[in-house]
Structure formats: C-alpha cells, structure tokens
Amino acid sequence: MSAPPLSMNDRGMSRGAAMAKAAKVKGIRETACILAKAADLPKDLDYVVCELHYQPRDNRRRDTDNLTATAKPIYDGLVDFGLVPDDIPRWMAKREPVIHPAIKGEPGRMWLEISWRNQS
C-alpha cells in the first residue's frame, strides 16, 4: 500500500469520481467487517476505543486529518459487523490516527488497534 485508500484531499466533482469514491468506501467498509470476523472479535460490546495507525512507504510530510476519510468507513464496517451498536461517542471513541515513520525498503501498511470493555 503506497497510500491510504481515501484522503480528505481527494478531489473530484464529476459523477464518475463520486461513483469511484463510493465504491472505495463500500470496499473499505466490507473489508473491515470481514477482517473483524476473521479476527474473531466479540460482538455487542458496550464501548470500544479505536486508533488507526499508518506507516507510509516514505517520509514525505503528512497530516493525520487525511486518514479520517479512510477511518470513517472502517468504523462503519465494525458497526456492520456488530462490534457495537453505532459509532457514536456513546459506544465508540475514535482516537486521532497515528502516523509512524517509514522504514526504508518496506511497503506502507495500516492497522487498527481496538480496545474494549463490556459491562454486561
């Protein structure tokens, strides 16, 4: 992965650009749901804390705000999976994404750290 799938800097007002972005959002959301299932995450939790991590392939200047466009469908996919009922603050905290320094010769990578508690 050379870059996050979506960025707040993405442009495109054409119908085709909007459709392409919608397809990416859908794909990220579905992938998050599939990966949550594969990781055997619990369902129906009372509260989770999510933190997106990104290690780019190079050390160009980046800001964490741009990762929000990728993080949002990930959180929605976790809701689709059933981790929590919704991604509102009552059930999910979303920490600011973390950008790690690149490691020369390694491709970019992204991961999500999730912690939870269940009061039931």
C-alpha atoms as a PDB file:
ATOM      1  CA  MET A   1       0.000   0.000   0.000  1.00  0.00           C
ATOM      2  CA  SER A   2       1.604   3.275  -1.042  1.00  0.00           C
ATOM      3  CA  ALA A   3      -1.136   5.494   0.375  1.00  0.00           C
ATOM      4  CA  PRO A   4      -4.362   5.236   2.368  1.00  0.00           C
ATOM      5  CA  PRO A   5      -7.288   4.303   0.129  1.00  0.00           C
ATOM      6  CA  LEU A   6      -9.037   7.629   0.765  1.00  0.00           C
ATOM      7  CA  SER A   7      -7.842  11.092   1.699  1.00  0.00           C
ATOM      8  CA  MET A   8      -9.570  14.293   2.736  1.00  0.00           C
ATOM      9  CA  ASN A   9      -7.599  15.839  -0.128  1.00  0.00           C
ATOM     10  CA  ASP A  10      -9.367  13.701  -2.744  1.00  0.00           C
ATOM     11  CA  ARG A  11     -10.922  15.880  -5.369  1.00  0.00           C
ATOM     12  CA  GLY A  12     -13.469  15.118  -7.989  1.00  0.00           C
ATOM     13  CA  MET A  13     -16.873  16.561  -8.549  1.00  0.00           C
ATOM     14  CA  SER A  14     -17.797  14.521 -11.582  1.00  0.00           C
ATOM     15  CA  ARG A  15     -20.359  11.743 -11.386  1.00  0.00           C
ATOM     16  CA  GLY A  16     -17.659   9.216 -12.215  1.00  0.00           C
ATOM     17  CA  ALA A  17     -15.408  10.477  -9.409  1.00  0.00           C
ATOM     18  CA  ALA A  18     -18.288  10.311  -6.933  1.00  0.00           C
ATOM     19  CA  MET A  19     -19.104   6.747  -8.002  1.00  0.00           C
ATOM     20  CA  ALA A  20     -15.451   5.705  -7.730  1.00  0.00           C
ATOM     21  CA  LYS A  21     -15.210   7.163  -4.229  1.00  0.00           C
ATOM     22  CA  ALA A  22     -18.457   5.425  -3.187  1.00  0.00           C
ATOM     23  CA  ALA A  23     -17.053   2.111  -4.429  1.00  0.00           C
ATOM     24  CA  LYS A  24     -13.856   2.609  -2.383  1.00  0.00           C
ATOM     25  CA  VAL A  25     -15.884   3.477   0.726  1.00  0.00           C
ATOM     26  CA  LYS A  26     -18.034   0.371   0.262  1.00  0.00           C
ATOM     27  CA  GLY A  27     -14.951  -1.802  -0.213  1.00  0.00           C
ATOM     28  CA  ILE A  28     -13.245  -0.478   2.919  1.00  0.00           C
ATOM     29  CA  ARG A  29     -16.418  -0.927   4.947  1.00  0.00           C
ATOM     30  CA  GLU A  30     -16.884  -4.516   3.749  1.00  0.00           C
ATOM     31  CA  THR A  31     -13.210  -5.342   4.329  1.00  0.00           C
ATOM     32  CA  ALA A  32     -13.363  -4.030   7.902  1.00  0.00           C
ATOM     33  CA  CYS A  33     -16.379  -6.249   8.564  1.00  0.00           C
ATOM     34  CA  ILE A  34     -14.659  -9.302   7.044  1.00  0.00           C
ATOM     35  CA  LEU A  35     -11.440  -8.695   8.985  1.00  0.00           C
ATOM     36  CA  ALA A  36     -13.351  -8.245  12.260  1.00  0.00           C
ATOM     37  CA  LYS A  37     -14.990 -11.611  11.679  1.00  0.00           C
ATOM     38  CA  ALA A  38     -11.674 -13.255  10.736  1.00  0.00           C
ATOM     39  CA  ALA A  39     -10.092 -11.848  13.913  1.00  0.00           C
ATOM     40  CA  ASP A  40     -12.941 -13.381  15.913  1.00  0.00           C
ATOM     41  CA  LEU A  41     -13.734 -10.058  17.567  1.00  0.00           C
ATOM     42  CA  PRO A  42     -16.583 -10.072  20.062  1.00  0.00           C
ATOM     43  CA  LYS A  43     -19.986  -8.591  19.277  1.00  0.00           C
ATOM     44  CA  ASP A  44     -22.426  -6.378  21.161  1.00  0.00           C
ATOM     45  CA  LEU A  45     -19.800  -4.619  23.251  1.00  0.00           C
ATOM     46  CA  ASP A  46     -20.692  -1.666  25.463  1.00  0.00           C
ATOM     47  CA  TYR A  47     -17.731   0.515  24.472  1.00  0.00           C
ATOM     48  CA  VAL A  48     -14.655   0.390  22.226  1.00  0.00           C
ATOM     49  CA  VAL A  49     -11.680   2.646  21.618  1.00  0.00           C
ATOM     50  CA  CYS A  50     -10.256   2.634  18.084  1.00  0.00           C
ATOM     51  CA  GLU A  51      -6.933   4.014  16.910  1.00  0.00           C
ATOM     52  CA  LEU A  52      -5.836   3.854  13.263  1.00  0.00           C
ATOM     53  CA  HIS A  53      -2.112   3.502  12.586  1.00  0.00           C
ATOM     54  CA  TYR A  54      -0.376   4.196   9.289  1.00  0.00           C
ATOM     55  CA  GLN A  55       3.229   3.549   8.361  1.00  0.00           C
ATOM     56  CA  PRO A  56       3.819   5.034   4.900  1.00  0.00           C
ATOM     57  CA  ARG A  57       6.414   3.784   2.450  1.00  0.00           C
ATOM     58  CA  ASP A  58       8.273   7.111   2.544  1.00  0.00           C
ATOM     59  CA  ASN A  59       8.705  10.005   4.941  1.00  0.00           C
ATOM     60  CA  ARG A  60       7.002  12.756   2.981  1.00  0.00           C
ATOM     61  CA  ARG A  61       5.108  15.259   5.088  1.00  0.00           C
ATOM     62  CA  ARG A  62       1.604  14.033   6.004  1.00  0.00           C
ATOM     63  CA  ASP A  63      -1.086  15.089   8.424  1.00  0.00           C
ATOM     64  CA  THR A  64      -3.356  12.796  10.388  1.00  0.00           C
ATOM     65  CA  ASP A  65      -6.540  14.586   9.254  1.00  0.00           C
ATOM     66  CA  ASN A  66      -6.286  12.942   5.844  1.00  0.00           C
ATOM     67  CA  LEU A  67      -6.644   9.494   7.387  1.00  0.00           C
ATOM     68  CA  THR A  68     -10.165  10.378   8.556  1.00  0.00           C
ATOM     69  CA  ALA A  69     -11.575   9.622   5.105  1.00  0.00           C
ATOM     70  CA  THR A  70     -10.269   6.048   5.407  1.00  0.00           C
ATOM     71  CA  ALA A  71     -11.061   5.662   9.113  1.00  0.00           C
ATOM     72  CA  LYS A  72     -14.770   6.517   8.806  1.00  0.00           C
ATOM     73  CA  PRO A  73     -15.749   3.513   6.638  1.00  0.00           C
ATOM     74  CA  ILE A  74     -13.582   1.279   8.851  1.00  0.00           C
ATOM     75  CA  TYR A  75     -15.620   2.341  11.889  1.00  0.00           C
ATOM     76  CA  ASP A  76     -18.840   1.820   9.943  1.00  0.00           C
ATOM     77  CA  GLY A  77     -17.673  -1.668   8.982  1.00  0.00           C
ATOM     78  CA  LEU A  78     -17.117  -2.510  12.643  1.00  0.00           C
ATOM     79  CA  VAL A  79     -20.703  -1.437  13.324  1.00  0.00           C
ATOM     80  CA  ASP A  80     -21.886  -3.564  10.378  1.00  0.00           C
ATOM     81  CA  PHE A  81     -20.054  -6.496  11.967  1.00  0.00           C
ATOM     82  CA  GLY A  82     -21.854  -5.880  15.262  1.00  0.00           C
ATOM     83  CA  LEU A  83     -18.909  -4.863  17.454  1.00  0.00           C
ATOM     84  CA  VAL A  84     -21.010  -2.008  18.891  1.00  0.00           C
ATOM     85  CA  PRO A  85     -24.492  -0.711  18.005  1.00  0.00           C
ATOM     86  CA  ASP A  86     -23.223   2.548  16.458  1.00  0.00           C
ATOM     87  CA  ASP A  87     -20.026   4.561  16.055  1.00  0.00           C
ATOM     88  CA  ILE A  88     -21.279   7.494  18.116  1.00  0.00           C
ATOM     89  CA  PRO A  89     -19.347   8.540  21.272  1.00  0.00           C
ATOM     90  CA  ARG A  90     -21.752   6.566  23.496  1.00  0.00           C
ATOM     91  CA  TRP A  91     -20.234   3.330  22.111  1.00  0.00           C
ATOM     92  CA  MET A  92     -17.012   4.225  20.292  1.00  0.00           C
ATOM     93  CA  ALA A  93     -14.075   6.537  20.931  1.00  0.00           C
ATOM     94  CA  LYS A  94     -12.001   7.373  17.890  1.00  0.00           C
ATOM     95  CA  ARG A  95      -8.511   8.495  18.739  1.00  0.00           C
ATOM     96  CA  GLU A  96      -6.583  10.651  16.331  1.00  0.00           C
ATOM     97  CA  PRO A  97      -4.746   8.457  13.816  1.00  0.00           C
ATOM     98  CA  VAL A  98      -1.041   7.834  14.330  1.00  0.00           C
ATOM     99  CA  ILE A  99       1.484   8.171  11.520  1.00  0.00           C
ATOM    100  CA  HIS A 100       4.673   6.181  12.062  1.00  0.00           C
ATOM    101  CA  PRO A 101       7.993   6.831  10.335  1.00  0.00           C
ATOM    102  CA  ALA A 102       8.611   4.873   7.159  1.00  0.00           C
ATOM    103  CA  ILE A 103      11.095   2.020   7.182  1.00  0.00           C
ATOM    104  CA  LYS A 104      13.336   2.093   4.144  1.00  0.00           C
ATOM    105  CA  GLY A 105      12.583  -0.717   1.717  1.00  0.00           C
ATOM    106  CA  GLU A 106       9.294  -1.696   3.371  1.00  0.00           C
ATOM    107  CA  PRO A 107       5.896  -1.083   1.802  1.00  0.00           C
ATOM    108  CA  GLY A 108       3.353   1.082   3.556  1.00  0.00           C
ATOM    109  CA  ARG A 109       0.962  -0.552   5.958  1.00  0.00           C
ATOM    110  CA  MET A 110      -2.072   0.309   8.018  1.00  0.00           C
ATOM    111  CA  TRP A 111      -3.604  -1.302  11.085  1.00  0.00           C
ATOM    112  CA  LEU A 112      -6.300  -0.638  13.636  1.00  0.00           C
ATOM    113  CA  GLU A 113      -5.919  -1.084  17.370  1.00  0.00           C
ATOM    114  CA  ILE A 114      -9.155  -1.743  19.262  1.00  0.00           C
ATOM    115  CA  SER A 115      -9.632  -1.987  22.995  1.00  0.00           C
ATOM    116  CA  TRP A 116     -12.941  -2.657  24.704  1.00  0.00           C
ATOM    117  CA  ARG A 117     -14.837  -3.212  27.848  1.00  0.00           C
ATOM    118  CA  ASN A 118     -18.141  -4.916  28.351  1.00  0.00           C
ATOM    119  CA  GLN A 119     -20.160  -4.113  31.442  1.00  0.00           C
ATOM    120  CA  SER A 120     -22.790  -6.780  30.816  1.00  0.00           C
END
